Every structure is written in C-alpha cells, then in structure tokens.
PDB file of all heavy atoms in Angstrom:
ATOM      1  N   SER A   1     215.525 100.907 159.788  1.00  0.00           N
ATOM      2  CA  SER A   1     216.527 100.976 160.857  1.00  0.00           C
ATOM      3  C   SER A   1     217.194  99.622 161.059  1.00  0.00           C
ATOM      4  O   SER A   1     218.397  99.550 161.336  1.00  0.00           O
ATOM      5  CB  SER A   1     215.894 101.460 162.165  1.00  0.00           C
ATOM      6  OG  SER A   1     215.065 100.469 162.753  1.00  0.00           O
ATOM      7  N   ILE A   2     216.436  98.547 160.886  1.00  0.00           N
ATOM      8  CA  ILE A   2     216.985  97.201 161.053  1.00  0.00           C
ATOM      9  C   ILE A   2     218.072  96.925 160.019  1.00  0.00           C
ATOM     10  O   ILE A   2     219.173  96.465 160.351  1.00  0.00           O
ATOM     11  CB  ILE A   2     215.870  96.138 160.960  1.00  0.00           C
ATOM     12  CG1 ILE A   2     214.944  96.231 162.175  1.00  0.00           C
ATOM     13  CG2 ILE A   2     216.463  94.732 160.858  1.00  0.00           C
ATOM     14  CD1 ILE A   2     213.711  95.349 162.087  1.00  0.00           C
ATOM     15  N   MET A   3     217.768  97.208 158.741  1.00  0.00           N
ATOM     16  CA  MET A   3     218.789  96.927 157.716  1.00  0.00           C
ATOM     17  C   MET A   3     219.929  97.946 157.789  1.00  0.00           C
ATOM     18  O   MET A   3     221.075  97.633 157.438  1.00  0.00           O
ATOM     19  CB  MET A   3     218.172  96.889 156.315  1.00  0.00           C
ATOM     20  CG  MET A   3     217.579  98.166 155.788  1.00  0.00           C
ATOM     21  SD  MET A   3     216.969  97.895 154.071  1.00  0.00           S
ATOM     22  CE  MET A   3     216.250  99.520 153.721  1.00  0.00           C
ATOM     23  N   SER A   4     219.641  99.148 158.276  1.00  0.00           N
ATOM     24  CA  SER A   4     220.697 100.146 158.450  1.00  0.00           C
ATOM     25  C   SER A   4     221.672  99.720 159.537  1.00  0.00           C
ATOM     26  O   SER A   4     222.893  99.848 159.384  1.00  0.00           O
ATOM     27  CB  SER A   4     220.091 101.508 158.799  1.00  0.00           C
ATOM     28  OG  SER A   4     219.272 101.989 157.763  1.00  0.00           O
ATOM     29  N   LEU A   5     221.138  99.230 160.640  1.00  0.00           N
ATOM     30  CA  LEU A   5     221.988  98.743 161.729  1.00  0.00           C
ATOM     31  C   LEU A   5     222.853  97.581 161.259  1.00  0.00           C
ATOM     32  O   LEU A   5     224.018  97.462 161.646  1.00  0.00           O
ATOM     33  CB  LEU A   5     221.123  98.312 162.917  1.00  0.00           C
ATOM     34  CG  LEU A   5     220.424  99.428 163.694  1.00  0.00           C
ATOM     35  CD1 LEU A   5     219.448  98.850 164.711  1.00  0.00           C
ATOM     36  CD2 LEU A   5     221.438 100.332 164.388  1.00  0.00           C
ATOM     37  N   GLU A   6     222.283  96.733 160.418  1.00  0.00           N
ATOM     38  CA  GLU A   6     223.036  95.592 159.882  1.00  0.00           C
ATOM     39  C   GLU A   6     224.149  96.085 158.961  1.00  0.00           C
ATOM     40  O   GLU A   6     225.262  95.551 158.972  1.00  0.00           O
ATOM     41  CB  GLU A   6     222.096  94.653 159.134  1.00  0.00           C
ATOM     42  CG  GLU A   6     222.677  93.285 158.843  1.00  0.00           C
ATOM     43  CD  GLU A   6     222.924  92.435 160.085  1.00  0.00           C
ATOM     44  OE1 GLU A   6     222.305  92.721 161.141  1.00  0.00           O
ATOM     45  OE2 GLU A   6     223.737  91.481 160.006  1.00  0.00           O
ATOM     46  N   LEU A   7     223.857  97.107 158.162  1.00  0.00           N
ATOM     47  CA  LEU A   7     224.869  97.662 157.267  1.00  0.00           C
ATOM     48  C   LEU A   7     226.009  98.296 158.055  1.00  0.00           C
ATOM     49  O   LEU A   7     227.171  98.235 157.634  1.00  0.00           O
ATOM     50  CB  LEU A   7     224.232  98.692 156.327  1.00  0.00           C
ATOM     51  CG  LEU A   7     225.159  99.344 155.295  1.00  0.00           C
ATOM     52  CD1 LEU A   7     225.818  98.294 154.403  1.00  0.00           C
ATOM     53  CD2 LEU A   7     224.381 100.345 154.442  1.00  0.00           C
ATOM     54  N   LEU A   8     225.695  98.891 159.204  1.00  0.00           N
ATOM     55  CA  LEU A   8     226.726  99.520 160.031  1.00  0.00           C
ATOM     56  C   LEU A   8     227.712  98.500 160.601  1.00  0.00           C
ATOM     57  O   LEU A   8     228.794  98.886 161.077  1.00  0.00           O
ATOM     58  CB  LEU A   8     226.084 100.316 161.173  1.00  0.00           C
ATOM     59  CG  LEU A   8     225.402 101.625 160.779  1.00  0.00           C
ATOM     60  CD1 LEU A   8     224.685 102.248 161.968  1.00  0.00           C
ATOM     61  CD2 LEU A   8     226.410 102.606 160.185  1.00  0.00           C
ATOM     62  N   LYS A   9     227.368  97.225 160.536  1.00  0.00           N
ATOM     63  CA  LYS A   9     228.306  96.172 160.961  1.00  0.00           C
ATOM     64  C   LYS A   9     229.422  96.002 159.935  1.00  0.00           C
ATOM     65  O   LYS A   9     230.387  95.264 160.187  1.00  0.00           O
ATOM     66  CB  LYS A   9     227.560  94.857 161.157  1.00  0.00           C
ATOM     67  CG  LYS A   9     226.554  94.866 162.306  1.00  0.00           C
ATOM     68  CD  LYS A   9     225.829  93.533 162.418  1.00  0.00           C
ATOM     69  CE  LYS A   9     224.803  93.558 163.546  1.00  0.00           C
ATOM     70  NZ  LYS A   9     224.065  92.260 163.656  1.00  0.00           N
ATOM     71  N   HIS A  10     229.285  96.677 158.805  1.00  0.00           N
ATOM     72  CA  HIS A  10     230.300  96.641 157.746  1.00  0.00           C
ATOM     73  C   HIS A  10     230.824  98.067 157.572  1.00  0.00           C
ATOM     74  O   HIS A  10     230.418  98.785 156.648  1.00  0.00           O
ATOM     75  CB  HIS A  10     229.694  96.113 156.449  1.00  0.00           C
ATOM     76  CG  HIS A  10     229.051  94.767 156.583  1.00  0.00           C
ATOM     77  ND1 HIS A  10     229.738  93.583 156.402  1.00  0.00           N
ATOM     78  CD2 HIS A  10     227.774  94.431 156.896  1.00  0.00           C
ATOM     79  CE1 HIS A  10     228.918  92.573 156.590  1.00  0.00           C
ATOM     80  NE2 HIS A  10     227.720  93.058 156.898  1.00  0.00           N
ATOM     81  N   PRO A  11     231.706  98.519 158.463  1.00  0.00           N
ATOM     82  CA  PRO A  11     232.115  99.930 158.525  1.00  0.00           C
ATOM     83  C   PRO A  11     232.766 100.475 157.256  1.00  0.00           C
ATOM     84  O   PRO A  11     232.823 101.695 157.073  1.00  0.00           O
ATOM     85  CB  PRO A  11     233.086  99.968 159.713  1.00  0.00           C
ATOM     86  CG  PRO A  11     233.532  98.550 159.901  1.00  0.00           C
ATOM     87  CD  PRO A  11     232.378  97.707 159.501  1.00  0.00           C
ATOM     88  N   THR A  12     233.235  99.592 156.380  1.00  0.00           N
ATOM     89  CA  THR A  12     233.838 100.073 155.131  1.00  0.00           C
ATOM     90  C   THR A  12     232.857 100.912 154.327  1.00  0.00           C
ATOM     91  O   THR A  12     233.255 101.845 153.618  1.00  0.00           O
ATOM     92  CB  THR A  12     234.313  98.881 154.271  1.00  0.00           C
ATOM     93  OG1 THR A  12     235.284  98.132 154.992  1.00  0.00           O
ATOM     94  CG2 THR A  12     234.949  99.364 152.967  1.00  0.00           C
ATOM     95  N   ILE A  13     231.573 100.601 154.446  1.00  0.00           N
ATOM     96  CA  ILE A  13     230.574 101.328 153.664  1.00  0.00           C
ATOM     97  C   ILE A  13     230.563 102.811 154.016  1.00  0.00           C
ATOM     98  O   ILE A  13     230.248 103.660 153.174  1.00  0.00           O
ATOM     99  CB  ILE A  13     229.157 100.722 153.852  1.00  0.00           C
ATOM    100  CG1 ILE A  13     228.215 101.212 152.743  1.00  0.00           C
ATOM    101  CG2 ILE A  13     228.603 101.062 155.223  1.00  0.00           C
ATOM    102  CD1 ILE A  13     228.598 100.802 151.348  1.00  0.00           C
ATOM    103  N   LEU A  14     230.938 103.141 155.262  1.00  0.00           N
ATOM    104  CA  LEU A  14     230.946 104.540 155.693  1.00  0.00           C
ATOM    105  C   LEU A  14     232.026 105.352 154.978  1.00  0.00           C
ATOM    106  O   LEU A  14     231.923 106.571 154.869  1.00  0.00           O
ATOM    107  CB  LEU A  14     231.141 104.625 157.208  1.00  0.00           C
ATOM    108  CG  LEU A  14     230.039 103.963 158.044  1.00  0.00           C
ATOM    109  CD1 LEU A  14     230.402 104.008 159.528  1.00  0.00           C
ATOM    110  CD2 LEU A  14     228.704 104.632 157.807  1.00  0.00           C
ATOM    111  N   LYS A  15     233.031 104.663 154.475  1.00  0.00           N
ATOM    112  CA  LYS A  15     234.072 105.315 153.682  1.00  0.00           C
ATOM    113  C   LYS A  15     233.464 105.930 152.422  1.00  0.00           C
ATOM    114  O   LYS A  15     233.905 106.973 151.949  1.00  0.00           O
ATOM    115  CB  LYS A  15     235.135 104.280 153.308  1.00  0.00           C
ATOM    116  CG  LYS A  15     236.195 104.756 152.342  1.00  0.00           C
ATOM    117  CD  LYS A  15     237.138 103.616 151.998  1.00  0.00           C
ATOM    118  CE  LYS A  15     238.136 104.010 150.918  1.00  0.00           C
ATOM    119  NZ  LYS A  15     239.017 102.871 150.537  1.00  0.00           N
ATOM    120  N   TYR A  16     232.421 105.266 151.907  1.00  0.00           N
ATOM    121  CA  TYR A  16     231.765 105.742 150.687  1.00  0.00           C
ATOM    122  C   TYR A  16     230.569 106.640 150.997  1.00  0.00           C
ATOM    123  O   TYR A  16     230.445 107.733 150.440  1.00  0.00           O
ATOM    124  CB  TYR A  16     231.321 104.545 149.836  1.00  0.00           C
ATOM    125  CG  TYR A  16     232.406 103.520 149.634  1.00  0.00           C
ATOM    126  CD1 TYR A  16     232.229 102.191 150.002  1.00  0.00           C
ATOM    127  CD2 TYR A  16     233.642 103.883 149.096  1.00  0.00           C
ATOM    128  CE1 TYR A  16     233.231 101.246 149.839  1.00  0.00           C
ATOM    129  CE2 TYR A  16     234.655 102.951 148.922  1.00  0.00           C
ATOM    130  CZ  TYR A  16     234.438 101.626 149.304  1.00  0.00           C
ATOM    131  OH  TYR A  16     235.443 100.708 149.137  1.00  0.00           O
ATOM    132  N   SER A  17     229.700 106.191 151.893  1.00  0.00           N
ATOM    133  CA  SER A  17     228.508 106.983 152.207  1.00  0.00           C
ATOM    134  C   SER A  17     228.866 108.288 152.902  1.00  0.00           C
ATOM    135  O   SER A  17     228.074 109.237 152.901  1.00  0.00           O
ATOM    136  CB  SER A  17     227.535 106.173 153.081  1.00  0.00           C
ATOM    137  OG  SER A  17     228.104 105.879 154.343  1.00  0.00           O
ATOM    138  N   GLY A  18     230.058 108.354 153.493  1.00  0.00           N
ATOM    139  CA  GLY A  18     230.503 109.565 154.169  1.00  0.00           C
ATOM    140  C   GLY A  18     231.317 110.490 153.288  1.00  0.00           C
ATOM    141  O   GLY A  18     231.827 111.512 153.754  1.00  0.00           O
ATOM    142  N   THR A  19     231.446 110.150 152.004  1.00  0.00           N
ATOM    143  CA  THR A  19     232.181 110.976 151.046  1.00  0.00           C
ATOM    144  C   THR A  19     231.220 111.941 150.360  1.00  0.00           C
ATOM    145  O   THR A  19     230.194 111.507 149.824  1.00  0.00           O
ATOM    146  CB  THR A  19     232.874 110.103 149.983  1.00  0.00           C
ATOM    147  OG1 THR A  19     233.840 109.265 150.619  1.00  0.00           O
ATOM    148  CG2 THR A  19     233.566 110.974 148.938  1.00  0.00           C
ATOM    149  N   TYR A  20     231.565 113.217 150.339  1.00  0.00           N
ATOM    150  CA  TYR A  20     230.664 114.188 149.712  1.00  0.00           C
ATOM    151  C   TYR A  20     230.871 114.268 148.205  1.00  0.00           C
ATOM    152  O   TYR A  20     229.908 114.313 147.443  1.00  0.00           O
ATOM    153  CB  TYR A  20     230.850 115.575 150.330  1.00  0.00           C
ATOM    154  CG  TYR A  20     229.878 116.589 149.764  1.00  0.00           C
ATOM    155  CD1 TYR A  20     228.509 116.470 150.005  1.00  0.00           C
ATOM    156  CD2 TYR A  20     230.319 117.645 148.973  1.00  0.00           C
ATOM    157  CE1 TYR A  20     227.604 117.370 149.470  1.00  0.00           C
ATOM    158  CE2 TYR A  20     229.422 118.554 148.443  1.00  0.00           C
ATOM    159  CZ  TYR A  20     228.060 118.413 148.692  1.00  0.00           C
ATOM    160  OH  TYR A  20     227.164 119.308 148.160  1.00  0.00           O
ATOM    161  N   MET A  21     232.131 114.289 147.767  1.00  0.00           N
ATOM    162  CA  MET A  21     232.409 114.351 146.330  1.00  0.00           C
ATOM    163  C   MET A  21     233.517 113.373 145.968  1.00  0.00           C
ATOM    164  O   MET A  21     234.460 113.174 146.728  1.00  0.00           O
ATOM    165  CB  MET A  21     232.818 115.772 145.915  1.00  0.00           C
ATOM    166  CG  MET A  21     231.736 116.814 146.098  1.00  0.00           C
ATOM    167  SD  MET A  21     232.229 118.448 145.484  1.00  0.00           S
ATOM    168  CE  MET A  21     232.183 118.161 143.711  1.00  0.00           C
ATOM    169  N   GLU A  22     233.370 112.762 144.801  1.00  0.00           N
ATOM    170  CA  GLU A  22     234.350 111.785 144.320  1.00  0.00           C
ATOM    171  C   GLU A  22     234.391 111.848 142.802  1.00  0.00           C
ATOM    172  O   GLU A  22     233.365 112.041 142.141  1.00  0.00           O
ATOM    173  CB  GLU A  22     233.960 110.381 144.786  1.00  0.00           C
ATOM    174  CG  GLU A  22     234.873 109.274 144.298  1.00  0.00           C
ATOM    175  CD  GLU A  22     236.124 109.108 145.158  1.00  0.00           C
ATOM    176  OE1 GLU A  22     236.201 109.779 146.211  1.00  0.00           O
ATOM    177  OE2 GLU A  22     237.005 108.312 144.792  1.00  0.00           O
ATOM    178  N   THR A  23     235.577 111.675 142.236  1.00  0.00           N
ATOM    179  CA  THR A  23     235.732 111.651 140.788  1.00  0.00           C
ATOM    180  C   THR A  23     236.273 110.296 140.353  1.00  0.00           C
ATOM    181  O   THR A  23     237.266 109.816 140.908  1.00  0.00           O
ATOM    182  CB  THR A  23     236.697 112.757 140.312  1.00  0.00           C
ATOM    183  OG1 THR A  23     236.175 114.028 140.689  1.00  0.00           O
ATOM    184  CG2 THR A  23     236.855 112.711 138.799  1.00  0.00           C
ATOM    185  N   ILE A  24     235.616 109.674 139.391  1.00  0.00           N
ATOM    186  CA  ILE A  24     236.072 108.417 138.807  1.00  0.00           C
ATOM    187  C   ILE A  24     236.467 108.708 137.368  1.00  0.00           C
ATOM    188  O   ILE A  24     235.629 109.075 136.546  1.00  0.00           O
ATOM    189  CB  ILE A  24     234.972 107.344 138.853  1.00  0.00           C
ATOM    190  CG1 ILE A  24     234.602 107.035 140.315  1.00  0.00           C
ATOM    191  CG2 ILE A  24     235.427 106.065 138.147  1.00  0.00           C
ATOM    192  CD1 ILE A  24     233.451 106.065 140.460  1.00  0.00           C
ATOM    193  N   SER A  25     237.743 108.556 137.072  1.00  0.00           N
ATOM    194  CA  SER A  25     238.230 108.944 135.748  1.00  0.00           C
ATOM    195  C   SER A  25     238.921 107.820 134.985  1.00  0.00           C
ATOM    196  O   SER A  25     239.060 107.897 133.762  1.00  0.00           O
ATOM    197  CB  SER A  25     239.188 110.134 135.874  1.00  0.00           C
ATOM    198  OG  SER A  25     240.267 109.819 136.739  1.00  0.00           O
ATOM    199  N   GLU A  26     239.377 106.799 135.671  1.00  0.00           N
ATOM    200  CA  GLU A  26     240.146 105.730 135.021  1.00  0.00           C
ATOM    201  C   GLU A  26     239.342 105.066 133.895  1.00  0.00           C
ATOM    202  O   GLU A  26     238.216 104.622 134.088  1.00  0.00           O
ATOM    203  CB  GLU A  26     240.555 104.677 136.048  1.00  0.00           C
ATOM    204  CG  GLU A  26     241.470 103.597 135.465  1.00  0.00           C
ATOM    205  CD  GLU A  26     241.921 102.597 136.507  1.00  0.00           C
ATOM    206  OE1 GLU A  26     241.660 102.834 137.710  1.00  0.00           O
ATOM    207  OE2 GLU A  26     242.523 101.581 136.126  1.00  0.00           O
ATOM    208  N   GLY A  27     239.950 105.039 132.714  1.00  0.00           N
ATOM    209  CA  GLY A  27     239.331 104.364 131.585  1.00  0.00           C
ATOM    210  C   GLY A  27     238.214 105.141 130.915  1.00  0.00           C
ATOM    211  O   GLY A  27     237.490 104.594 130.082  1.00  0.00           O
TER     212      GLY A  27
END
C-alpha cells in the first residue's frame, strides 16, 4: 500500500493501468 500510494502521486500511470486492451503495432 505504501508503494502504491507513492505510485498514485504519478497519475500518468493510471492511463496505462486503467487500460483494458491495447495494440502495439509500429515496427
């Protein structure tokens, strides 16, 4: 919980952890 709370101080990560499906195709 301590490191999770620290990670939540960087809200950009939620853009990724909150994504259910993603496709990476470039290259």
